[in-house]
Amino acid sequence: MRNKSSHTINLSSACSIPGVHCALGESPVWDEVNERIVFIDILKGVIHQYAPRTGTFIAWSMGCMIGSVAMRPDGGMLASRFNTM
């Protein structure tokens, strides 16, 4: 399988990220510029980022449920959040 930048994606080498336990993990997005996968835990309200090449893992708690995440062309992220009124 090839993505738009012609890098080979080896689906047989998929693995779990040690120490990450999502209540409801969703919305995985590959950030091609920074070579990382970004995904969310909807129920816990956490955005996760993992760079497989370096093994670097970062998580941000948003304080509310999150519905999705997307990468911006400038390298930033955009997330939708659930807010009770």
Protein backbone atom coordinates (compact mmCIF):
# COMPACT_ATOMS: atom_id res chain seq x y z
CA MET A 1 0.00 0.00 0.00
CA ARG A 2 1.36 3.46 -0.85
CA ASN A 3 0.36 6.87 0.42
CA LYS A 4 0.48 10.07 -1.65
CA SER A 5 4.16 10.71 -0.89
CA SER A 6 5.13 7.26 -2.24
CA HIS A 7 6.44 5.97 1.09
CA THR A 8 5.73 2.30 1.68
CA ILE A 9 3.40 1.53 4.56
CA ASN A 10 3.98 -1.89 6.07
CA LEU A 11 0.69 -2.88 7.69
CA SER A 12 2.16 -6.12 9.02
CA SER A 13 4.39 -4.17 11.42
CA ALA A 14 1.50 -2.57 13.34
CA CYS A 15 1.97 -2.62 17.10
CA SER A 16 0.43 -1.23 20.26
CA ILE A 17 1.89 1.73 22.11
CA PRO A 18 3.07 0.61 25.57
CA GLY A 19 1.28 2.31 28.46
CA VAL A 20 -1.60 3.72 26.38
CA HIS A 21 -5.00 2.54 27.55
CA CYS A 22 -7.88 4.34 25.86
CA ALA A 23 -11.48 4.12 27.04
CA LEU A 24 -12.57 4.82 23.45
CA GLY A 25 -9.64 5.39 21.07
CA GLU A 26 -10.60 6.86 17.69
CA SER A 27 -9.72 9.23 14.85
CA PRO A 28 -6.18 8.05 14.00
CA VAL A 29 -4.47 10.52 11.66
CA TRP A 30 -0.98 10.16 10.22
CA ASP A 31 0.94 13.46 10.36
CA GLU A 32 3.24 13.04 7.38
CA VAL A 33 5.23 16.24 8.04
CA ASN A 34 6.19 15.24 11.61
CA GLU A 35 6.10 11.45 11.06
CA ARG A 36 3.71 10.78 13.92
CA ILE A 37 0.29 9.30 14.49
CA VAL A 38 -2.25 11.44 16.30
CA PHE A 39 -5.39 9.91 17.82
CA ILE A 40 -7.91 10.67 20.54
CA ASP A 41 -9.52 9.04 23.53
CA ILE A 42 -13.06 10.36 23.14
CA LEU A 43 -14.32 9.56 26.64
CA LYS A 44 -11.20 10.59 28.57
CA GLY A 45 -10.75 13.76 26.49
CA VAL A 46 -7.11 13.12 25.61
CA ILE A 47 -5.20 13.77 22.38
CA HIS A 48 -2.34 11.31 21.92
CA GLN A 49 0.68 11.69 19.68
CA TYR A 50 3.22 8.96 18.93
CA ALA A 51 6.30 9.18 16.71
CA PRO A 52 7.30 5.58 15.92
CA ARG A 53 10.71 6.51 14.51
CA THR A 54 11.83 8.11 17.81
CA GLY A 55 9.48 6.34 20.23
CA THR A 56 8.32 9.73 21.55
CA PHE A 57 4.83 9.76 23.09
CA ILE A 58 2.93 12.87 24.22
CA ALA A 59 -0.63 13.18 25.54
CA TRP A 60 -2.71 16.29 26.15
CA SER A 61 -5.75 16.22 28.45
CA MET A 62 -8.41 18.58 27.09
CA GLY A 63 -10.73 18.46 30.12
CA CYS A 64 -13.78 17.37 28.09
CA MET A 65 -14.79 14.72 25.57
CA ILE A 66 -13.26 15.08 22.09
CA GLY A 67 -15.04 14.05 18.90
CA SER A 68 -12.23 14.16 16.33
CA VAL A 69 -8.82 15.53 15.43
CA ALA A 70 -7.36 16.67 12.11
CA MET A 71 -3.99 17.96 10.96
CA ARG A 72 -3.73 21.54 9.69
CA PRO A 73 -1.62 22.40 6.62
CA ASP A 74 0.66 24.58 8.80
CA GLY A 75 1.49 21.60 11.04
CA GLY A 76 -0.94 22.35 13.86
CA MET A 77 -3.95 20.32 14.93
CA LEU A 78 -7.67 21.01 15.00
CA ALA A 79 -9.88 19.14 17.48
CA SER A 80 -13.63 19.12 18.01
CA ARG A 81 -14.79 18.95 21.59
CA PHE A 82 -18.01 18.18 23.38
CA ASN A 83 -19.26 20.99 25.60
CA THR A 84 -22.31 20.76 27.82
CA MET A 85 -24.31 23.93 28.23
